[in-house]
C-alpha atoms as a PDB file:
ATOM      1  CA  UNK A   1      28.623  26.650 -89.593  1.00  0.00           C
ATOM      2  CA  UNK A   2      31.768  24.380 -87.935  1.00  0.00           C
ATOM      3  CA  UNK A   3      32.403  24.637 -84.617  1.00  0.00           C
ATOM      4  CA  UNK A   4      34.961  27.427 -83.759  1.00  0.00           C
ATOM      5  CA  UNK A   5      38.143  25.911 -82.852  1.00  0.00           C
ATOM      6  CA  UNK A   6      40.703  29.216 -82.542  1.00  0.00           C
ATOM      7  CA  UNK A   7      42.203  30.955 -79.476  1.00  0.00           C
ATOM      8  CA  UNK A   8      40.852  30.610 -76.433  1.00  0.00           C
ATOM      9  CA  UNK A   9      39.866  33.859 -74.124  1.00  0.00           C
ATOM     10  CA  UNK A  10      42.506  33.316 -71.333  1.00  0.00           C
ATOM     11  CA  UNK A  11      45.019  35.837 -73.504  1.00  0.00           C
ATOM     12  CA  UNK A  12      42.254  38.322 -73.445  1.00  0.00           C
ATOM     13  CA  UNK A  13      42.441  38.048 -69.709  1.00  0.00           C
ATOM     14  CA  UNK A  14      46.311  37.854 -69.931  1.00  0.00           C
ATOM     15  CA  UNK A  15      45.730  41.166 -71.756  1.00  0.00           C
ATOM     16  CA  UNK A  16      43.236  42.486 -69.738  1.00  0.00           C
ATOM     17  CA  UNK A  17      41.350  43.651 -72.490  1.00  0.00           C
ATOM     18  CA  UNK A  18      38.705  42.340 -74.779  1.00  0.00           C
ATOM     19  CA  UNK A  19      40.677  40.666 -78.205  1.00  0.00           C
ATOM     20  CA  UNK A  20      37.131  39.579 -79.759  1.00  0.00           C
ATOM     21  CA  UNK A  21      38.931  36.547 -80.836  1.00  0.00           C
ATOM     22  CA  UNK A  22      35.758  34.564 -79.812  1.00  0.00           C
ATOM     23  CA  UNK A  23      32.959  36.642 -82.238  1.00  0.00           C
ATOM     24  CA  UNK A  24      29.498  37.556 -81.093  1.00  0.00           C
ATOM     25  CA  UNK A  25      30.622  36.028 -77.414  1.00  0.00           C
ATOM     26  CA  UNK A  26      33.048  38.681 -76.562  1.00  0.00           C
ATOM     27  CA  UNK A  27      29.946  40.911 -76.325  1.00  0.00           C
ATOM     28  CA  UNK A  28      28.012  38.877 -74.122  1.00  0.00           C
ATOM     29  CA  UNK A  29      27.785  37.437 -70.508  1.00  0.00           C
ATOM     30  CA  UNK A  30      29.868  34.741 -71.497  1.00  0.00           C
ATOM     31  CA  UNK A  31      33.119  36.280 -72.056  1.00  0.00           C
ATOM     32  CA  UNK A  32      36.347  35.522 -70.493  1.00  0.00           C
ATOM     33  CA  UNK A  33      36.682  39.091 -69.415  1.00  0.00           C
ATOM     34  CA  UNK A  34      32.862  39.574 -68.315  1.00  0.00           C
ATOM     35  CA  UNK A  35      33.347  36.306 -65.830  1.00  0.00           C
ATOM     36  CA  UNK A  36      36.767  36.877 -64.623  1.00  0.00           C
ATOM     37  CA  UNK A  37      38.486  39.988 -65.263  1.00  0.00           C
ATOM     38  CA  UNK A  38      42.051  39.096 -64.338  1.00  0.00           C
ATOM     39  CA  UNK A  39      44.483  36.916 -65.560  1.00  0.00           C
ATOM     40  CA  UNK A  40      44.095  33.123 -65.820  1.00  0.00           C
ATOM     41  CA  UNK A  41      45.929  30.443 -63.331  1.00  0.00           C
ATOM     42  CA  UNK A  42      45.956  29.737 -59.565  1.00  0.00           C
ATOM     43  CA  UNK A  43      47.948  33.362 -58.099  1.00  0.00           C
ATOM     44  CA  UNK A  44      47.465  35.397 -60.904  1.00  0.00           C
ATOM     45  CA  UNK A  45      48.264  38.479 -59.013  1.00  0.00           C
ATOM     46  CA  UNK A  46      51.747  37.193 -57.413  1.00  0.00           C
ATOM     47  CA  UNK A  47      53.591  37.452 -60.788  1.00  0.00           C
ATOM     48  CA  UNK A  48      56.554  39.073 -61.152  1.00  0.00           C
ATOM     49  CA  UNK A  49      57.247  42.643 -63.472  1.00  0.00           C
ATOM     50  CA  UNK A  50      56.888  42.516 -66.996  1.00  0.00           C
ATOM     51  CA  UNK A  51      60.446  43.319 -68.779  1.00  0.00           C
ATOM     52  CA  UNK A  52      60.730  45.367 -71.467  1.00  0.00           C
ATOM     53  CA  UNK A  53      61.351  42.595 -73.447  1.00  0.00           C
ATOM     54  CA  UNK A  54      58.489  40.758 -72.361  1.00  0.00           C
ATOM     55  CA  UNK A  55      55.979  44.027 -72.727  1.00  0.00           C
ATOM     56  CA  UNK A  56      57.418  44.283 -76.731  1.00  0.00           C
ATOM     57  CA  UNK A  57      57.374  40.307 -77.254  1.00  0.00           C
ATOM     58  CA  UNK A  58      53.345  40.541 -75.781  1.00  0.00           C
ATOM     59  CA  UNK A  59      52.640  42.960 -78.105  1.00  0.00           C
ATOM     60  CA  UNK A  60      53.772  41.150 -81.078  1.00  0.00           C
ATOM     61  CA  UNK A  61      51.922  37.794 -80.148  1.00  0.00           C
ATOM     62  CA  UNK A  62      48.997  40.489 -79.112  1.00  0.00           C
ATOM     63  CA  UNK A  63      48.965  41.263 -82.648  1.00  0.00           C
ATOM     64  CA  UNK A  64      49.646  37.704 -83.702  1.00  0.00           C
ATOM     65  CA  UNK A  65      47.128  36.238 -82.285  1.00  0.00           C
ATOM     66  CA  UNK A  66      44.238  39.020 -83.284  1.00  0.00           C
ATOM     67  CA  UNK A  67      44.605  38.553 -86.835  1.00  0.00           C
ATOM     68  CA  UNK A  68      45.460  35.229 -87.224  1.00  0.00           C
ATOM     69  CA  UNK A  69      48.478  34.960 -88.305  1.00  0.00           C
ATOM     70  CA  UNK A  70      51.849  32.604 -88.063  1.00  0.00           C
ATOM     71  CA  UNK A  71      55.595  34.557 -87.093  1.00  0.00           C
ATOM     72  CA  UNK A  72      56.422  33.583 -90.747  1.00  0.00           C
ATOM     73  CA  UNK A  73      54.066  35.428 -92.220  1.00  0.00           C
ATOM     74  CA  UNK A  74      54.078  37.869 -89.418  1.00  0.00           C
ATOM     75  CA  UNK A  75      58.024  38.577 -90.746  1.00  0.00           C
ATOM     76  CA  UNK A  76      56.737  38.746 -94.167  1.00  0.00           C
ATOM     77  CA  UNK A  77      54.175  41.653 -93.378  1.00  0.00           C
ATOM     78  CA  UNK A  78      56.841  43.636 -91.116  1.00  0.00           C
ATOM     79  CA  UNK A  79      59.252  43.603 -93.682  1.00  0.00           C
ATOM     80  CA  UNK A  80      56.939  45.113 -96.559  1.00  0.00           C
ATOM     81  CA  UNK A  81      55.977  47.469 -93.640  1.00  0.00           C
ATOM     82  CA  UNK A  82      59.710  48.491 -93.894  1.00  0.00           C
ATOM     83  CA  UNK A  83      60.197  49.155 -97.038  1.00  0.00           C
ATOM     84  CA  UNK A  84      57.049  51.238 -97.598  1.00  0.00           C
ATOM     85  CA  UNK A  85      57.720  55.233 -96.778  1.00  0.00           C
ATOM     86  CA  UNK A  86      55.979  56.548 -93.466  1.00  0.00           C
ATOM     87  CA  UNK A  87      56.501  55.162 -89.763  1.00  0.00           C
ATOM     88  CA  UNK A  88      57.023  51.487 -89.806  1.00  0.00           C
ATOM     89  CA  UNK A  89      54.844  50.110 -86.958  1.00  0.00           C
ATOM     90  CA  UNK A  90      51.733  52.048 -88.207  1.00  0.00           C
ATOM     91  CA  UNK A  91      52.768  50.186 -91.944  1.00  0.00           C
ATOM     92  CA  UNK A  92      53.024  47.438 -90.694  1.00  0.00           C
ATOM     93  CA  UNK A  93      48.958  47.332 -88.637  1.00  0.00           C
ATOM     94  CA  UNK A  94      47.937  48.753 -91.820  1.00  0.00           C
ATOM     95  CA  UNK A  95      49.144  45.728 -93.797  1.00  0.00           C
ATOM     96  CA  UNK A  96      46.853  43.444 -91.326  1.00  0.00           C
ATOM     97  CA  UNK A  97      43.755  45.660 -91.633  1.00  0.00           C
ATOM     98  CA  UNK A  98      44.092  45.246 -95.147  1.00  0.00           C
ATOM     99  CA  UNK A  99      44.186  41.322 -95.357  1.00  0.00           C
ATOM    100  CA  UNK A 100      40.720  40.028 -96.587  1.00  0.00           C
ATOM    101  CA  UNK A 101      39.362  37.818 -93.559  1.00  0.00           C
ATOM    102  CA  UNK A 102      39.860  40.647 -91.450  1.00  0.00           C
ATOM    103  CA  UNK A 103      37.978  43.126 -93.909  1.00  0.00           C
ATOM    104  CA  UNK A 104      35.171  40.268 -94.065  1.00  0.00           C
ATOM    105  CA  UNK A 105      34.766  40.590 -90.276  1.00  0.00           C
ATOM    106  CA  UNK A 106      34.762  44.548 -90.107  1.00  0.00           C
ATOM    107  CA  UNK A 107      32.043  44.061 -92.441  1.00  0.00           C
ATOM    108  CA  UNK A 108      30.387  41.981 -90.630  1.00  0.00           C
ATOM    109  CA  UNK A 109      30.235  38.990 -92.823  1.00  0.00           C
ATOM    110  CA  UNK A 110      31.791  36.767 -90.512  1.00  0.00           C
ATOM    111  CA  UNK A 111      31.538  36.321 -86.598  1.00  0.00           C
ATOM    112  CA  UNK A 112      35.283  36.515 -85.990  1.00  0.00           C
ATOM    113  CA  UNK A 113      38.245  36.832 -87.895  1.00  0.00           C
ATOM    114  CA  UNK A 114      38.436  33.086 -87.605  1.00  0.00           C
ATOM    115  CA  UNK A 115      35.226  32.605 -88.356  1.00  0.00           C
ATOM    116  CA  UNK A 116      35.842  35.056 -91.631  1.00  0.00           C
ATOM    117  CA  UNK A 117      38.939  33.359 -92.657  1.00  0.00           C
ATOM    118  CA  UNK A 118      37.161  29.824 -92.459  1.00  0.00           C
ATOM    119  CA  UNK A 119      34.637  31.355 -94.886  1.00  0.00           C
ATOM    120  CA  UNK A 120      37.162  32.597 -97.328  1.00  0.00           C
ATOM    121  CA  UNK A 121      38.498  28.778 -97.585  1.00  0.00           C
ATOM    122  CA  UNK A 122      34.949  27.503 -97.977  1.00  0.00           C
ATOM    123  CA  UNK A 123      34.717  29.676-100.976  1.00  0.00           C
ATOM    124  CA  UNK A 124      32.159  31.931 -99.594  1.00  0.00           C
ATOM    125  CA  UNK A 125      33.636  34.963-100.499  1.00  0.00           C
ATOM    126  CA  UNK A 126      34.354  36.780-103.619  1.00  0.00           C
ATOM    127  CA  UNK A 127      36.579  39.714-104.835  1.00  0.00           C
ATOM    128  CA  UNK A 128      35.722  42.092-107.455  1.00  0.00           C
ATOM    129  CA  UNK A 129      33.128  39.442-109.121  1.00  0.00           C
ATOM    130  CA  UNK A 130      36.187  36.740-108.632  1.00  0.00           C
ATOM    131  CA  UNK A 131      36.422  33.796-106.310  1.00  0.00           C
ATOM    132  CA  UNK A 132      38.777  34.717-103.600  1.00  0.00           C
ATOM    133  CA  UNK A 133      39.721  31.781-101.418  1.00  0.00           C
ATOM    134  CA  UNK A 134      43.685  32.863 -99.820  1.00  0.00           C
ATOM    135  CA  UNK A 135      42.363  35.247 -96.468  1.00  0.00           C
ATOM    136  CA  UNK A 136      45.853  36.813 -96.532  1.00  0.00           C
ATOM    137  CA  UNK A 137      45.436  38.649 -99.592  1.00  0.00           C
ATOM    138  CA  UNK A 138      45.291  42.052 -99.063  1.00  0.00           C
ATOM    139  CA  UNK A 139      42.664  44.535-100.313  1.00  0.00           C
ATOM    140  CA  UNK A 140      43.191  48.275-102.006  1.00  0.00           C
ATOM    141  CA  UNK A 141      41.336  50.871-102.077  1.00  0.00           C
ATOM    142  CA  UNK A 142      37.861  50.312-104.944  1.00  0.00           C
ATOM    143  CA  UNK A 143      37.985  46.631-104.194  1.00  0.00           C
ATOM    144  CA  UNK A 144      34.407  45.177-103.784  1.00  0.00           C
ATOM    145  CA  UNK A 145      34.119  42.259-101.418  1.00  0.00           C
ATOM    146  CA  UNK A 146      30.539  40.476-101.435  1.00  0.00           C
ATOM    147  CA  UNK A 147      29.251  37.057-100.849  1.00  0.00           C
ATOM    148  CA  UNK A 148      29.108  34.497-103.528  1.00  0.00           C
ATOM    149  CA  UNK A 149      25.582  34.394-105.699  1.00  0.00           C
ATOM    150  CA  UNK A 150      25.031  30.417-103.965  1.00  0.00           C
ATOM    151  CA  UNK A 151      21.981  30.272-102.190  1.00  0.00           C
ATOM    152  CA  UNK A 152      24.278  28.865 -99.132  1.00  0.00           C
ATOM    153  CA  UNK A 153      27.177  31.902 -98.968  1.00  0.00           C
ATOM    154  CA  UNK A 154      23.978  34.262 -99.060  1.00  0.00           C
ATOM    155  CA  UNK A 155      22.011  32.756 -96.614  1.00  0.00           C
ATOM    156  CA  UNK A 156      25.403  32.486 -93.796  1.00  0.00           C
ATOM    157  CA  UNK A 157      26.559  35.873 -94.666  1.00  0.00           C
ATOM    158  CA  UNK A 158      23.327  37.271 -94.328  1.00  0.00           C
ATOM    159  CA  UNK A 159      22.816  35.858 -90.826  1.00  0.00           C
ATOM    160  CA  UNK A 160      26.122  37.086 -89.830  1.00  0.00           C
ATOM    161  CA  UNK A 161      25.180  40.888 -90.852  1.00  0.00           C
ATOM    162  CA  UNK A 162      22.120  40.340 -88.808  1.00  0.00           C
ATOM    163  CA  UNK A 163      24.242  39.057 -85.860  1.00  0.00           C
ATOM    164  CA  UNK A 164      26.774  41.722 -85.963  1.00  0.00           C
ATOM    165  CA  UNK A 165      25.122  44.790 -86.763  1.00  0.00           C
ATOM    166  CA  UNK A 166      25.861  46.399 -83.524  1.00  0.00           C
ATOM    167  CA  UNK A 167      29.116  46.028 -84.335  1.00  0.00           C
ATOM    168  CA  UNK A 168      29.368  48.873 -86.537  1.00  0.00           C
ATOM    169  CA  UNK A 169      31.602  49.441 -89.366  1.00  0.00           C
ATOM    170  CA  UNK A 170      34.646  51.381 -89.707  1.00  0.00           C
ATOM    171  CA  UNK A 171      34.475  54.510 -92.279  1.00  0.00           C
ATOM    172  CA  UNK A 172      37.136  53.000 -94.851  1.00  0.00           C
ATOM    173  CA  UNK A 173      34.490  50.162 -95.232  1.00  0.00           C
ATOM    174  CA  UNK A 174      31.449  50.739 -96.877  1.00  0.00           C
ATOM    175  CA  UNK A 175      28.552  47.691 -96.198  1.00  0.00           C
ATOM    176  CA  UNK A 176      25.557  47.171 -98.480  1.00  0.00           C
ATOM    177  CA  UNK A 177      23.902  44.670 -96.470  1.00  0.00           C
ATOM    178  CA  UNK A 178      20.936  44.313 -98.231  1.00  0.00           C
ATOM    179  CA  UNK A 179      23.558  43.403-101.663  1.00  0.00           C
ATOM    180  CA  UNK A 180      25.883  41.768 -98.784  1.00  0.00           C
ATOM    181  CA  UNK A 181      28.476  43.286-100.406  1.00  0.00           C
ATOM    182  CA  UNK A 182      31.437  45.868 -98.631  1.00  0.00           C
ATOM    183  CA  UNK A 183      33.408  48.002-100.638  1.00  0.00           C
ATOM    184  CA  UNK A 184      37.184  49.665 -99.695  1.00  0.00           C
ATOM    185  CA  UNK A 185      37.313  53.377 -99.889  1.00  0.00           C
ATOM    186  CA  UNK A 186      40.459  54.412 -98.535  1.00  0.00           C
ATOM    187  CA  UNK A 187      43.334  52.262 -96.818  1.00  0.00           C
ATOM    188  CA  UNK A 188      42.505  52.599 -92.789  1.00  0.00           C
ATOM    189  CA  UNK A 189      44.062  55.354 -90.836  1.00  0.00           C
ATOM    190  CA  UNK A 190      45.639  55.316 -87.602  1.00  0.00           C
ATOM    191  CA  UNK A 191      43.010  56.159 -85.635  1.00  0.00           C
ATOM    192  CA  UNK A 192      40.561  53.615 -87.106  1.00  0.00           C
ATOM    193  CA  UNK A 193      42.662  50.342 -86.481  1.00  0.00           C
ATOM    194  CA  UNK A 194      40.437  47.428 -85.111  1.00  0.00           C
ATOM    195  CA  UNK A 195      43.039  46.093 -82.692  1.00  0.00           C
ATOM    196  CA  UNK A 196      44.893  48.488 -79.802  1.00  0.00           C
ATOM    197  CA  UNK A 197      47.986  47.407 -80.051  1.00  0.00           C
ATOM    198  CA  UNK A 198      51.347  49.917 -79.248  1.00  0.00           C
ATOM    199  CA  UNK A 199      52.717  49.378 -82.198  1.00  0.00           C
ATOM    200  CA  UNK A 200      56.240  51.149 -81.675  1.00  0.00           C
ATOM    201  CA  UNK A 201      56.594  48.639 -79.067  1.00  0.00           C
ATOM    202  CA  UNK A 202      56.766  46.106 -82.210  1.00  0.00           C
ATOM    203  CA  UNK A 203      59.124  47.902 -83.837  1.00  0.00           C
ATOM    204  CA  UNK A 204      61.084  48.250 -81.210  1.00  0.00           C
ATOM    205  CA  UNK A 205      61.542  44.591 -80.820  1.00  0.00           C
ATOM    206  CA  UNK A 206      62.132  43.481 -84.262  1.00  0.00           C
ATOM    207  CA  UNK A 207      64.580  45.862 -85.684  1.00  0.00           C
ATOM    208  CA  UNK A 208      67.270  44.837 -82.389  1.00  0.00           C
END
């Protein structure tokens, strides 16, 4: 598999928590949080107090970095969340959780969301027996995500399942490891979101 070139773990140190941007590395002693559990920089503890706007912006940036999306995509998802019934912040995170690359990662088919995104782009994943090459497509209850039948895809997904089996799978996704298949059982609830984000801060920022 190609070398990971996504966001560095400096972001994890800046936020003071693991965001699992580098896959299995984040659960070993090589994780940046395990090595240096404080923000990067020469004088990390001399920074001034973060303003309310700063807190809101950092929460938005954390969401974008964690799910691997750009500003234009984020705005589109936020507009979609506003149109749905219910809490806008929860709707937004639920949409991000439903991204195909996130489901592939949560199912254990990829070591990280970046790795899952690459696997989808390279044609290793299919959904409902059709090849899927768009990481941002949104899954819905009843969708079946699995590795393609070709040997390379089966081996790649099988290796990732073995490496990530201790990570656990959320209750809204059912994984059959022997078949290399993940079924979306329902939409994720607020307590089942995989990334700890204060969505109310994002709504406050985007509603200005």
